[in-house]
């Protein structure tokens, strides 16, 4: 008579080994990214951008793509929660304005254009401009304003280049500054990427540019406190611009490859 042996089921292995048989968090995240990239498809269609149901259309590096809607992660980091807190407090201040003050914001916003998408843009609403100006002020310790400040003429941007050195394994990141960056130059950064990457659009605020010493502003501590020390052979992107009375200038992007020690 034949005997059939039953193999242990999943529950047996879970009890025996716990959850160690599951992919660890970094590996799981990498698997999720791979699955997401497999759901993307380059398409030939009329130019479009946005979400329709569970499909998202957007511009890719090599043409228009369509992908499945993905819910982004919500780590609720300290920096993330600080931005959300600023946004909620500033939004509440809009409701406390007088009708005359709101009318001033609406009139000023009619001359301020949104970021262009698919070659199209439009004027901001008064509420959007109020949020934009006051959230920038809140981010950098400025006092909130109830009336729209005049749009400034920005001076020449001090940082002109990014230079990375690696002396005995100690990596230093410096911005070349022929002139003083002042106290209103914003530095944004992105995590280290492969040196083959030519375009970077994912930046996070690192802080304001420190004073220049002998023509260079050392941003090593700003960068490493957010992303850690970059490895040799990787590329680092930073973005700099100025803010005056809550208004921001157009940003400039610099990059450099971390040399070997």
Protein backbone atom coordinates (compact mmCIF):
# COMPACT_ATOMS: atom_id res chain seq x y z
CA UNK A 1 0.00 0.00 0.00
CA UNK A 2 1.38 3.39 -1.03
CA UNK A 3 2.08 5.88 1.74
CA UNK A 4 1.73 9.62 1.11
CA UNK A 5 3.81 11.93 3.28
CA UNK A 6 2.33 15.33 3.95
CA UNK A 7 4.87 18.14 3.77
CA UNK A 8 4.75 20.78 6.52
CA UNK A 9 2.60 23.74 5.57
CA UNK A 10 3.39 27.45 5.74
CA UNK A 11 2.07 27.71 9.28
CA UNK A 12 4.60 25.11 10.44
CA UNK A 13 7.54 27.07 9.07
CA UNK A 14 6.17 30.33 10.49
CA UNK A 15 5.90 28.77 13.94
CA UNK A 16 9.35 27.20 13.66
CA UNK A 17 11.27 30.14 12.22
CA UNK A 18 8.97 33.09 12.99
CA UNK A 19 8.95 35.68 10.22
CA UNK A 20 12.64 35.38 9.39
CA UNK A 21 11.73 33.60 6.19
CA UNK A 22 10.12 36.81 4.91
CA UNK A 23 12.28 39.30 2.97
CA UNK A 24 13.88 41.87 5.22
CA UNK A 25 12.67 45.46 5.01
CA UNK A 26 15.32 46.77 2.53
CA UNK A 27 14.84 43.72 0.33
CA UNK A 28 11.04 44.09 0.50
CA UNK A 29 11.33 47.74 -0.49
CA UNK A 30 13.56 46.80 -3.43
CA UNK A 31 11.05 44.14 -4.50
CA UNK A 32 8.24 46.69 -4.36
CA UNK A 33 10.23 49.10 -6.54
CA UNK A 34 10.89 46.33 -9.06
CA UNK A 35 7.21 45.43 -9.18
CA UNK A 36 6.29 49.09 -9.66
CA UNK A 37 8.78 49.53 -12.50
CA UNK A 38 7.34 46.45 -14.21
CA UNK A 39 3.92 48.11 -14.23
CA UNK A 40 5.17 51.08 -16.22
CA UNK A 41 4.75 51.17 -19.99
CA UNK A 42 5.88 53.69 -22.56
CA UNK A 43 2.91 54.69 -24.71
CA UNK A 44 2.15 56.63 -27.89
CA UNK A 45 -0.78 58.93 -27.19
CA UNK A 46 -1.77 62.57 -27.00
CA UNK A 47 0.25 64.49 -24.37
CA UNK A 48 -1.42 63.95 -21.01
CA UNK A 49 -0.57 64.17 -17.34
CA UNK A 50 -2.57 63.13 -14.31
CA UNK A 51 -4.63 60.32 -12.80
CA UNK A 52 -7.65 58.61 -14.31
CA UNK A 53 -9.04 55.85 -12.11
CA UNK A 54 -6.14 53.52 -11.32
CA UNK A 55 -3.97 54.69 -14.24
CA UNK A 56 -1.45 57.54 -14.08
CA UNK A 57 0.00 59.26 -17.15
CA UNK A 58 3.20 61.27 -16.87
CA UNK A 59 6.22 62.40 -18.83
CA UNK A 60 9.22 60.09 -18.60
CA UNK A 61 12.84 60.65 -19.50
CA UNK A 62 12.36 58.97 -22.87
CA UNK A 63 8.72 59.79 -23.59
CA UNK A 64 5.27 59.54 -22.11
CA UNK A 65 4.55 56.61 -19.81
CA UNK A 66 1.49 55.06 -18.21
CA UNK A 67 1.65 53.31 -14.85
CA UNK A 68 -0.59 51.81 -12.20
CA UNK A 69 -1.55 54.14 -9.34
CA UNK A 70 0.68 53.52 -6.30
CA UNK A 71 0.02 54.83 -2.80
CA UNK A 72 3.27 56.48 -1.58
CA UNK A 73 4.85 55.55 1.73
CA UNK A 74 4.03 57.71 4.73
CA UNK A 75 6.99 57.47 7.15
CA UNK A 76 5.78 60.47 9.19
CA UNK A 77 9.35 61.63 9.74
CA UNK A 78 10.11 64.67 11.90
CA UNK A 79 10.83 66.81 8.83
CA UNK A 80 7.65 65.61 7.14
CA UNK A 81 5.50 66.35 10.17
CA UNK A 82 7.06 69.81 10.57
CA UNK A 83 6.08 70.72 7.01
CA UNK A 84 2.53 69.44 7.56
CA UNK A 85 2.27 71.42 10.80
CA UNK A 86 3.37 74.61 9.02
CA UNK A 87 0.84 74.00 6.26
CA UNK A 88 -2.08 73.49 8.66
CA UNK A 89 -1.19 76.56 10.74
CA UNK A 90 -0.77 78.80 7.67
CA UNK A 91 -4.05 77.55 6.17
CA UNK A 92 -5.83 78.47 9.40
CA UNK A 93 -4.41 82.03 9.20
CA UNK A 94 -6.02 82.51 5.77
CA UNK A 95 -9.45 82.14 7.33
CA UNK A 96 -8.57 84.83 9.89
CA UNK A 97 -7.79 87.50 7.25
CA UNK A 98 -10.15 90.34 6.45
CA UNK A 99 -11.91 90.50 3.10
CA UNK A 100 -9.68 93.43 2.12
CA UNK A 101 -6.53 91.44 2.87
CA UNK A 102 -7.78 88.42 0.93
CA UNK A 103 -8.59 90.69 -2.03
CA UNK A 104 -4.97 91.94 -2.00
CA UNK A 105 -3.64 88.38 -2.16
CA UNK A 106 -6.02 87.53 -5.01
CA UNK A 107 -4.96 90.61 -7.00
CA UNK A 108 -1.24 89.88 -6.51
CA UNK A 109 -1.64 86.18 -7.32
CA UNK A 110 -3.24 86.96 -10.68
CA UNK A 111 0.25 87.88 -11.96
CA UNK A 112 2.00 84.80 -10.51
CA UNK A 113 2.06 81.74 -12.76
CA UNK A 114 2.09 78.11 -11.68
CA UNK A 115 4.81 75.67 -12.71
CA UNK A 116 4.41 74.75 -16.37
CA UNK A 117 3.14 71.24 -17.15
CA UNK A 118 2.77 70.03 -20.73
CA UNK A 119 3.51 73.61 -21.79
CA UNK A 120 0.55 74.99 -19.86
CA UNK A 121 0.28 77.03 -16.69
CA UNK A 122 -2.09 79.47 -15.07
CA UNK A 123 -2.37 82.12 -12.40
CA UNK A 124 -2.29 81.10 -8.74
CA UNK A 125 -5.25 81.73 -6.49
CA UNK A 126 -4.90 84.16 -3.60
CA UNK A 127 -4.98 81.25 -1.16
CA UNK A 128 -2.21 79.40 -3.01
CA UNK A 129 0.08 82.45 -2.99
CA UNK A 130 -0.64 83.08 0.71
CA UNK A 131 0.31 79.47 1.50
CA UNK A 132 3.42 79.61 -0.72
CA UNK A 133 4.80 82.79 0.85
CA UNK A 134 4.00 82.03 4.48
CA UNK A 135 5.08 78.38 4.41
CA UNK A 136 8.48 79.48 3.09
CA UNK A 137 8.74 82.07 5.86
CA UNK A 138 7.72 79.49 8.48
CA UNK A 139 10.23 76.97 7.15
CA UNK A 140 13.12 79.36 7.73
CA UNK A 141 11.99 81.10 10.91
CA UNK A 142 10.42 84.22 9.38
CA UNK A 143 7.39 86.06 10.67
CA UNK A 144 4.07 85.45 8.87
CA UNK A 145 2.62 88.22 6.71
CA UNK A 146 -1.03 89.17 6.22
CA UNK A 147 -0.48 91.24 3.10
CA UNK A 148 1.48 90.16 0.02
CA UNK A 149 5.09 91.45 0.01
CA UNK A 150 6.43 93.10 -3.12
CA UNK A 151 8.11 90.71 -5.54
CA UNK A 152 11.87 91.32 -5.14
CA UNK A 153 14.71 91.65 -7.60
CA UNK A 154 17.01 88.81 -6.59
CA UNK A 155 20.77 89.45 -6.46
CA UNK A 156 23.21 87.18 -8.26
CA UNK A 157 23.32 83.70 -6.75
CA UNK A 158 26.57 83.16 -4.83
CA UNK A 159 27.10 79.36 -5.24
CA UNK A 160 28.52 78.62 -8.69
CA UNK A 161 29.62 74.99 -8.48
CA UNK A 162 29.77 71.85 -6.32
CA UNK A 163 33.18 70.40 -5.45
CA UNK A 164 33.60 67.05 -3.65
CA UNK A 165 36.89 65.86 -2.17
CA UNK A 166 37.83 62.56 -0.54
CA UNK A 167 40.90 62.78 1.69
CA UNK A 168 41.73 59.52 3.39
CA UNK A 169 38.08 58.45 3.28
CA UNK A 170 36.80 61.76 4.69
CA UNK A 171 34.39 63.13 2.09
CA UNK A 172 33.80 66.90 1.99
CA UNK A 173 31.16 68.74 -0.06
CA UNK A 174 31.69 72.43 -0.79
CA UNK A 175 29.94 75.04 -2.89
CA UNK A 176 32.21 77.43 -4.75
CA UNK A 177 31.11 80.94 -3.72
CA UNK A 178 33.00 83.90 -5.23
CA UNK A 179 30.68 86.16 -3.21
CA UNK A 180 28.92 85.82 0.15
CA UNK A 181 25.79 83.61 0.04
CA UNK A 182 24.23 85.68 2.82
CA UNK A 183 21.60 84.14 5.07
CA UNK A 184 18.90 83.55 2.47
CA UNK A 185 20.39 80.92 0.15
CA UNK A 186 18.53 77.62 0.35
CA UNK A 187 20.40 74.35 -0.19
CA UNK A 188 18.46 71.27 -1.28
CA UNK A 189 19.94 67.85 -1.87
CA UNK A 190 19.18 64.38 -3.17
CA UNK A 191 20.45 61.02 -1.97
CA UNK A 192 23.58 59.74 -3.78
CA UNK A 193 22.88 58.14 -7.14
CA UNK A 194 24.79 56.21 -9.78
CA UNK A 195 27.20 58.44 -11.65
CA UNK A 196 25.43 57.46 -14.86
CA UNK A 197 22.28 59.33 -13.79
CA UNK A 198 22.03 62.56 -15.76
CA UNK A 199 18.77 64.02 -14.42
CA UNK A 200 17.64 64.45 -10.82
CA UNK A 201 14.34 65.95 -9.70
CA UNK A 202 13.94 64.57 -6.16
CA UNK A 203 15.34 67.19 -3.77
CA UNK A 204 14.85 67.81 -0.05
CA UNK A 205 15.65 70.96 1.91
CA UNK A 206 18.96 70.59 3.76
CA UNK A 207 19.09 74.10 5.22
CA UNK A 208 20.55 77.51 4.42
CA UNK A 209 24.00 77.87 2.92
CA UNK A 210 26.72 78.51 5.53
CA UNK A 211 29.12 81.43 5.23
CA UNK A 212 31.86 81.08 2.64
CA UNK A 213 35.46 80.69 3.82
CA UNK A 214 38.15 81.44 1.24
CA UNK A 215 35.62 81.21 -1.57
CA UNK A 216 33.93 77.94 -0.49
CA UNK A 217 30.88 77.16 1.64
CA UNK A 218 31.17 73.79 3.40
CA UNK A 219 27.85 71.93 3.21
CA UNK A 220 29.21 68.56 4.36
CA UNK A 221 27.34 68.54 7.67
CA UNK A 222 24.10 69.69 5.99
CA UNK A 223 24.27 66.82 3.52
CA UNK A 224 25.53 64.01 5.76
CA UNK A 225 23.01 64.76 8.51
CA UNK A 226 20.26 63.94 6.00
CA UNK A 227 21.78 61.28 3.74
CA UNK A 228 24.98 60.15 5.43
CA UNK A 229 28.42 60.23 3.81
CA UNK A 230 28.22 59.43 0.07
CA UNK A 231 30.32 56.52 -1.17
CA UNK A 232 33.16 56.90 -3.63
CA UNK A 233 31.99 56.60 -7.23
CA UNK A 234 28.47 57.89 -6.58
CA UNK A 235 27.10 61.19 -7.85
CA UNK A 236 25.64 63.89 -5.62
CA UNK A 237 23.10 66.46 -6.81
CA UNK A 238 22.36 69.69 -4.96
CA UNK A 239 20.04 72.55 -5.82
CA UNK A 240 20.39 76.15 -4.62
CA UNK A 241 18.20 79.24 -4.81
CA UNK A 242 17.40 82.37 -2.81
CA UNK A 243 14.39 83.49 -0.82
CA UNK A 244 13.44 87.07 0.01
CA UNK A 245 10.27 87.89 1.98
CA UNK A 246 8.91 84.43 1.19
CA UNK A 247 9.49 84.70 -2.57
CA UNK A 248 11.91 82.17 -4.08
CA UNK A 249 14.19 82.58 -7.08
CA UNK A 250 14.57 79.96 -9.80
CA UNK A 251 16.88 77.15 -8.62
CA UNK A 252 20.20 76.05 -10.06
CA UNK A 253 21.30 72.43 -9.96
CA UNK A 254 24.92 71.30 -9.51
CA UNK A 255 26.38 67.80 -9.38
CA UNK A 256 29.70 66.12 -8.73
CA UNK A 257 31.08 62.57 -8.45
CA UNK A 258 32.68 61.45 -5.20
CA UNK A 259 36.32 60.63 -6.03
CA UNK A 260 38.25 57.69 -4.64
CA UNK A 261 40.39 58.41 -1.59
